[in-house]
Amino acid sequence: MNDKVEAPKQRVSEGEFRHYVFGLSELRVEAEQLLKRAGYDLKPSKFIGLVEPDFRAKRKVGNSVLELVGMVRENMDQALEALTKLAAIKAANRDIECALVLPPINEYVLIEWLTEAKGRWYFGTKDCKLMIWFCNPDNHTTICVVGSPADREMVKHFYMSQMSFDEYISVRHQDFIRDRILAEEEED
């Protein structure tokens, strides 16, 4: 008889900044479950422009069809590469909703990354109308931390659906918004 009991996986990283460690397949499965709960049908992935997303789903609403695609990454170090690919997808088809799926990370790390260089990554993500989701397969929760789907039915299926990074930016980094508006006025 085997007395060994397998220890549970360590899901939270050790170190200065906490983040969760999930495999790509776990994150993808959880994102796809969220889409199913919101009434989407999973479709085979296909190239959209020059990029093939990690997952693709559609939902029929009246006479129209909503489409959502996503890229799944394990950490923030891979986020920019995925957001660039999602921006390319969005450039090829403006009607497609695009989401970057990541495991939950430390809020400080997220804030630092998004507000770097006067909010370069935050405003870039917003300008391209992309979303960033934090997905926790252990808890079966997904939070949309940046952006929001146009599909209001989809919003209901996010954990803490009222949470938005936009409010943080408008309160804590008013200077970013002011500088951006002034720069846009100078361009005109």
C-alpha atoms as a PDB file:
ATOM      1  CA  MET A   1       0.000   0.000   0.000  1.00  0.00           C
ATOM      2  CA  ASN A   2       1.260   3.449  -0.900  1.00  0.00           C
ATOM      3  CA  ASP A   3       1.250   5.823   2.067  1.00  0.00           C
ATOM      4  CA  LYS A   4       2.439   8.750  -0.005  1.00  0.00           C
ATOM      5  CA  VAL A   5      -0.067  11.514  -0.421  1.00  0.00           C
ATOM      6  CA  GLU A   6       0.593  13.969  -3.194  1.00  0.00           C
ATOM      7  CA  ALA A   7       1.019  17.492  -1.872  1.00  0.00           C
ATOM      8  CA  PRO A   8      -1.283  20.098  -3.377  1.00  0.00           C
ATOM      9  CA  LYS A   9       0.249  22.290  -6.048  1.00  0.00           C
ATOM     10  CA  GLN A  10       1.753  25.523  -4.814  1.00  0.00           C
ATOM     11  CA  ARG A  11      -0.393  28.118  -6.599  1.00  0.00           C
ATOM     12  CA  VAL A  12       0.936  31.305  -5.036  1.00  0.00           C
ATOM     13  CA  SER A  13       4.503  32.244  -5.829  1.00  0.00           C
ATOM     14  CA  GLU A  14       7.093  32.954  -3.190  1.00  0.00           C
ATOM     15  CA  GLY A  15       8.899  36.260  -3.266  1.00  0.00           C
ATOM     16  CA  GLU A  16       8.446  39.973  -2.915  1.00  0.00           C
ATOM     17  CA  PHE A  17       5.298  40.214  -5.042  1.00  0.00           C
ATOM     18  CA  ARG A  18       2.570  37.596  -4.854  1.00  0.00           C
ATOM     19  CA  HIS A  19       1.192  36.136  -8.041  1.00  0.00           C
ATOM     20  CA  TYR A  20      -0.569  32.927  -8.915  1.00  0.00           C
ATOM     21  CA  VAL A  21       1.005  30.177 -10.955  1.00  0.00           C
ATOM     22  CA  PHE A  22      -1.341  28.403 -13.354  1.00  0.00           C
ATOM     23  CA  GLY A  23      -0.590  26.590 -16.571  1.00  0.00           C
ATOM     24  CA  LEU A  24      -1.768  27.940 -19.895  1.00  0.00           C
ATOM     25  CA  SER A  25      -4.222  25.092 -20.347  1.00  0.00           C
ATOM     26  CA  GLU A  26      -5.808  25.705 -16.920  1.00  0.00           C
ATOM     27  CA  LEU A  27      -6.252  29.400 -17.676  1.00  0.00           C
ATOM     28  CA  ARG A  28      -7.656  28.710 -21.127  1.00  0.00           C
ATOM     29  CA  VAL A  29     -10.162  26.136 -19.845  1.00  0.00           C
ATOM     30  CA  GLU A  30     -11.388  28.536 -17.156  1.00  0.00           C
ATOM     31  CA  ALA A  31     -11.757  31.400 -19.675  1.00  0.00           C
ATOM     32  CA  GLU A  32     -13.679  29.098 -21.995  1.00  0.00           C
ATOM     33  CA  GLN A  33     -15.970  28.041 -19.122  1.00  0.00           C
ATOM     34  CA  LEU A  34     -16.716  31.712 -18.448  1.00  0.00           C
ATOM     35  CA  LEU A  35     -17.622  32.201 -22.101  1.00  0.00           C
ATOM     36  CA  LYS A  36     -19.926  29.175 -22.050  1.00  0.00           C
ATOM     37  CA  ARG A  37     -21.684  30.474 -18.916  1.00  0.00           C
ATOM     38  CA  ALA A  38     -22.243  33.773 -20.753  1.00  0.00           C
ATOM     39  CA  GLY A  39     -23.900  31.974 -23.657  1.00  0.00           C
ATOM     40  CA  TYR A  40     -20.996  31.828 -26.090  1.00  0.00           C
ATOM     41  CA  ASP A  41     -20.262  28.852 -28.330  1.00  0.00           C
ATOM     42  CA  LEU A  42     -16.598  27.919 -28.610  1.00  0.00           C
ATOM     43  CA  LYS A  43     -15.291  27.888 -32.176  1.00  0.00           C
ATOM     44  CA  PRO A  44     -12.087  26.502 -33.652  1.00  0.00           C
ATOM     45  CA  SER A  45      -9.329  29.071 -33.582  1.00  0.00           C
ATOM     46  CA  LYS A  46      -8.403  30.583 -36.934  1.00  0.00           C
ATOM     47  CA  PHE A  47      -6.110  33.314 -38.156  1.00  0.00           C
ATOM     48  CA  ILE A  48      -7.559  36.798 -38.041  1.00  0.00           C
ATOM     49  CA  GLY A  49      -5.252  38.935 -40.104  1.00  0.00           C
ATOM     50  CA  LEU A  50      -1.748  37.753 -39.199  1.00  0.00           C
ATOM     51  CA  VAL A  51      -2.564  36.333 -35.763  1.00  0.00           C
ATOM     52  CA  GLU A  52      -4.212  33.163 -34.509  1.00  0.00           C
ATOM     53  CA  PRO A  53      -5.774  33.678 -31.063  1.00  0.00           C
ATOM     54  CA  ASP A  54      -5.607  31.021 -28.340  1.00  0.00           C
ATOM     55  CA  PHE A  55      -9.406  30.790 -28.184  1.00  0.00           C
ATOM     56  CA  ARG A  56     -12.417  32.041 -30.112  1.00  0.00           C
ATOM     57  CA  ALA A  57     -16.122  32.134 -29.238  1.00  0.00           C
ATOM     58  CA  LYS A  58     -19.355  33.521 -30.696  1.00  0.00           C
ATOM     59  CA  ARG A  59     -22.795  34.383 -29.365  1.00  0.00           C
ATOM     60  CA  LYS A  60     -25.880  35.158 -31.424  1.00  0.00           C
ATOM     61  CA  VAL A  61     -27.915  38.120 -30.186  1.00  0.00           C
ATOM     62  CA  GLY A  62     -30.969  38.885 -32.287  1.00  0.00           C
ATOM     63  CA  ASN A  63     -29.790  39.403 -35.856  1.00  0.00           C
ATOM     64  CA  SER A  64     -26.150  39.960 -34.939  1.00  0.00           C
ATOM     65  CA  VAL A  65     -23.286  37.707 -33.890  1.00  0.00           C
ATOM     66  CA  LEU A  66     -20.823  38.729 -31.190  1.00  0.00           C
ATOM     67  CA  GLU A  67     -17.303  37.333 -31.426  1.00  0.00           C
ATOM     68  CA  LEU A  68     -14.667  37.288 -28.700  1.00  0.00           C
ATOM     69  CA  VAL A  69     -11.089  36.024 -29.007  1.00  0.00           C
ATOM     70  CA  GLY A  70      -8.287  35.818 -26.493  1.00  0.00           C
ATOM     71  CA  MET A  71      -4.646  35.196 -25.822  1.00  0.00           C
ATOM     72  CA  VAL A  72      -3.629  33.348 -22.660  1.00  0.00           C
ATOM     73  CA  ARG A  73      -0.328  34.060 -20.913  1.00  0.00           C
ATOM     74  CA  GLU A  74       1.189  32.873 -17.639  1.00  0.00           C
ATOM     75  CA  ASN A  75       2.618  36.176 -16.382  1.00  0.00           C
ATOM     76  CA  MET A  76       3.042  39.927 -16.920  1.00  0.00           C
ATOM     77  CA  ASP A  77       6.385  39.399 -18.663  1.00  0.00           C
ATOM     78  CA  GLN A  78       4.429  37.947 -21.594  1.00  0.00           C
ATOM     79  CA  ALA A  79       1.594  40.500 -21.523  1.00  0.00           C
ATOM     80  CA  LEU A  80       2.969  43.056 -23.972  1.00  0.00           C
ATOM     81  CA  GLU A  81       3.603  40.439 -26.667  1.00  0.00           C
ATOM     82  CA  ALA A  82       0.026  39.174 -26.332  1.00  0.00           C
ATOM     83  CA  LEU A  83      -1.496  42.679 -26.272  1.00  0.00           C
ATOM     84  CA  THR A  84       0.417  43.514 -29.455  1.00  0.00           C
ATOM     85  CA  LYS A  85      -1.056  40.439 -31.146  1.00  0.00           C
ATOM     86  CA  LEU A  86      -4.546  41.311 -29.909  1.00  0.00           C
ATOM     87  CA  ALA A  87      -4.132  44.859 -31.279  1.00  0.00           C
ATOM     88  CA  ALA A  88      -3.245  43.310 -34.651  1.00  0.00           C
ATOM     89  CA  ILE A  89      -6.411  41.201 -34.508  1.00  0.00           C
ATOM     90  CA  LYS A  90      -8.465  44.285 -33.620  1.00  0.00           C
ATOM     91  CA  ALA A  91      -6.886  46.179 -36.544  1.00  0.00           C
ATOM     92  CA  ALA A  92      -7.926  43.361 -38.902  1.00  0.00           C
ATOM     93  CA  ASN A  93     -11.511  43.255 -37.549  1.00  0.00           C
ATOM     94  CA  ARG A  94     -12.743  46.098 -35.299  1.00  0.00           C
ATOM     95  CA  ASP A  95     -15.932  44.169 -34.406  1.00  0.00           C
ATOM     96  CA  ILE A  96     -14.120  41.383 -32.569  1.00  0.00           C
ATOM     97  CA  GLU A  97     -13.751  41.690 -28.793  1.00  0.00           C
ATOM     98  CA  CYS A  98     -10.223  40.823 -27.615  1.00  0.00           C
ATOM     99  CA  ALA A  99      -9.056  39.738 -24.153  1.00  0.00           C
ATOM    100  CA  LEU A 100      -5.699  38.962 -22.599  1.00  0.00           C
ATOM    101  CA  VAL A 101      -6.112  36.251 -19.950  1.00  0.00           C
ATOM    102  CA  LEU A 102      -3.591  36.192 -17.086  1.00  0.00           C
ATOM    103  CA  PRO A 103      -3.503  34.621 -13.637  1.00  0.00           C
ATOM    104  CA  PRO A 104      -4.128  37.074 -10.774  1.00  0.00           C
ATOM    105  CA  ILE A 105      -1.071  39.166  -9.962  1.00  0.00           C
ATOM    106  CA  ASN A 106      -0.106  41.584  -7.236  1.00  0.00           C
ATOM    107  CA  GLU A 107      -1.990  44.864  -7.590  1.00  0.00           C
ATOM    108  CA  TYR A 108       1.197  46.882  -7.128  1.00  0.00           C
ATOM    109  CA  VAL A 109       2.841  45.128 -10.084  1.00  0.00           C
ATOM    110  CA  LEU A 110      -0.237  45.719 -12.257  1.00  0.00           C
ATOM    111  CA  ILE A 111      -0.409  49.402 -11.317  1.00  0.00           C
ATOM    112  CA  GLU A 112       3.300  49.928 -11.921  1.00  0.00           C
ATOM    113  CA  TRP A 113       3.119  48.251 -15.316  1.00  0.00           C
ATOM    114  CA  LEU A 114      -0.028  50.024 -16.513  1.00  0.00           C
ATOM    115  CA  THR A 115       1.082  53.467 -15.324  1.00  0.00           C
ATOM    116  CA  GLU A 116       4.658  53.202 -16.591  1.00  0.00           C
ATOM    117  CA  ALA A 117       5.632  56.154 -18.823  1.00  0.00           C
ATOM    118  CA  LYS A 118       2.497  58.181 -18.010  1.00  0.00           C
ATOM    119  CA  GLY A 119       0.145  55.264 -18.544  1.00  0.00           C
ATOM    120  CA  ARG A 120       1.529  54.057 -21.879  1.00  0.00           C
ATOM    121  CA  TRP A 121       0.247  50.456 -21.472  1.00  0.00           C
ATOM    122  CA  TYR A 122      -3.040  51.486 -19.869  1.00  0.00           C
ATOM    123  CA  PHE A 123      -3.938  54.023 -22.559  1.00  0.00           C
ATOM    124  CA  GLY A 124      -2.650  51.750 -25.327  1.00  0.00           C
ATOM    125  CA  THR A 125      -4.895  48.935 -24.102  1.00  0.00           C
ATOM    126  CA  LYS A 126      -7.873  51.288 -23.826  1.00  0.00           C
ATOM    127  CA  ASP A 127      -7.237  52.937 -27.230  1.00  0.00           C
ATOM    128  CA  CYS A 128      -7.215  49.527 -28.912  1.00  0.00           C
ATOM    129  CA  LYS A 129     -10.379  48.554 -26.988  1.00  0.00           C
ATOM    130  CA  LEU A 130      -8.691  45.475 -25.503  1.00  0.00           C
ATOM    131  CA  MET A 131      -9.499  43.791 -22.200  1.00  0.00           C
ATOM    132  CA  ILE A 132      -7.257  42.274 -19.546  1.00  0.00           C
ATOM    133  CA  TRP A 133      -8.765  39.465 -17.467  1.00  0.00           C
ATOM    134  CA  PHE A 134      -7.368  37.908 -14.301  1.00  0.00           C
ATOM    135  CA  CYS A 135      -8.477  34.303 -14.184  1.00  0.00           C
ATOM    136  CA  ASN A 136      -8.253  32.005 -11.141  1.00  0.00           C
ATOM    137  CA  PRO A 137      -9.064  28.390 -12.086  1.00  0.00           C
ATOM    138  CA  ASP A 138      -8.978  27.232  -8.443  1.00  0.00           C
ATOM    139  CA  ASN A 139     -11.762  29.639  -7.453  1.00  0.00           C
ATOM    140  CA  HIS A 140     -13.482  29.584 -10.868  1.00  0.00           C
ATOM    141  CA  THR A 141     -13.399  33.382 -10.990  1.00  0.00           C
ATOM    142  CA  THR A 142     -12.439  35.871 -13.671  1.00  0.00           C
ATOM    143  CA  ILE A 143     -12.063  39.615 -13.134  1.00  0.00           C
ATOM    144  CA  CYS A 144     -12.006  42.066 -16.031  1.00  0.00           C
ATOM    145  CA  VAL A 145      -9.427  44.550 -14.714  1.00  0.00           C
ATOM    146  CA  VAL A 146      -8.994  46.722 -17.815  1.00  0.00           C
ATOM    147  CA  GLY A 147     -11.573  47.403 -20.495  1.00  0.00           C
ATOM    148  CA  SER A 148     -15.057  46.003 -20.660  1.00  0.00           C
ATOM    149  CA  PRO A 149     -16.932  43.858 -23.132  1.00  0.00           C
ATOM    150  CA  ALA A 150     -19.557  45.567 -25.271  1.00  0.00           C
ATOM    151  CA  ASP A 151     -21.756  42.542 -24.529  1.00  0.00           C
ATOM    152  CA  ARG A 152     -23.527  43.639 -21.330  1.00  0.00           C
ATOM    153  CA  GLU A 153     -24.622  40.028 -20.698  1.00  0.00           C
ATOM    154  CA  MET A 154     -20.962  39.035 -20.514  1.00  0.00           C
ATOM    155  CA  VAL A 155     -20.271  41.634 -17.807  1.00  0.00           C
ATOM    156  CA  LYS A 156     -22.642  39.846 -15.412  1.00  0.00           C
ATOM    157  CA  HIS A 157     -20.389  36.778 -15.409  1.00  0.00           C
ATOM    158  CA  PHE A 158     -17.257  38.497 -14.131  1.00  0.00           C
ATOM    159  CA  TYR A 159     -16.320  38.308 -10.478  1.00  0.00           C
ATOM    160  CA  MET A 160     -16.374  41.823  -8.975  1.00  0.00           C
ATOM    161  CA  SER A 161     -17.884  43.118 -12.210  1.00  0.00           C
ATOM    162  CA  GLN A 162     -18.092  46.676 -10.888  1.00  0.00           C
ATOM    163  CA  MET A 163     -14.322  46.885 -10.334  1.00  0.00           C
ATOM    164  CA  SER A 164     -12.515  49.026 -12.881  1.00  0.00           C
ATOM    165  CA  PHE A 165      -8.978  50.253 -13.216  1.00  0.00           C
ATOM    166  CA  ASP A 166     -10.438  53.354 -14.893  1.00  0.00           C
ATOM    167  CA  GLU A 167     -11.582  54.708 -11.531  1.00  0.00           C
ATOM    168  CA  TYR A 168      -8.111  54.255 -10.068  1.00  0.00           C
ATOM    169  CA  ILE A 169      -6.539  56.166 -12.967  1.00  0.00           C
ATOM    170  CA  SER A 170      -9.088  58.996 -12.773  1.00  0.00           C
ATOM    171  CA  VAL A 171      -8.501  59.452  -9.021  1.00  0.00           C
ATOM    172  CA  ARG A 172      -4.790  58.692  -8.568  1.00  0.00           C
ATOM    173  CA  HIS A 173      -3.361  59.781 -11.907  1.00  0.00           C
ATOM    174  CA  GLN A 174      -5.375  62.791 -12.973  1.00  0.00           C
ATOM    175  CA  ASP A 175      -2.148  64.233 -14.373  1.00  0.00           C
ATOM    176  CA  PHE A 176      -1.962  61.374 -16.918  1.00  0.00           C
ATOM    177  CA  ILE A 177      -5.423  62.192 -18.199  1.00  0.00           C
ATOM    178  CA  ARG A 178      -4.756  65.956 -18.260  1.00  0.00           C
ATOM    179  CA  ASP A 179      -1.440  65.498 -20.115  1.00  0.00           C
ATOM    180  CA  ARG A 180      -3.063  63.166 -22.615  1.00  0.00           C
ATOM    181  CA  ILE A 181      -5.905  65.602 -23.338  1.00  0.00           C
ATOM    182  CA  LEU A 182      -3.433  68.478 -23.747  1.00  0.00           C
ATOM    183  CA  ALA A 183      -1.271  66.401 -26.100  1.00  0.00           C
ATOM    184  CA  GLU A 184      -4.319  65.488 -28.211  1.00  0.00           C
ATOM    185  CA  GLU A 185      -5.319  69.176 -28.404  1.00  0.00           C
ATOM    186  CA  GLU A 186      -1.808  70.121 -29.531  1.00  0.00           C
ATOM    187  CA  GLU A 187      -2.006  67.538 -32.335  1.00  0.00           C
ATOM    188  CA  ASP A 188      -5.200  69.134 -33.672  1.00  0.00           C
END
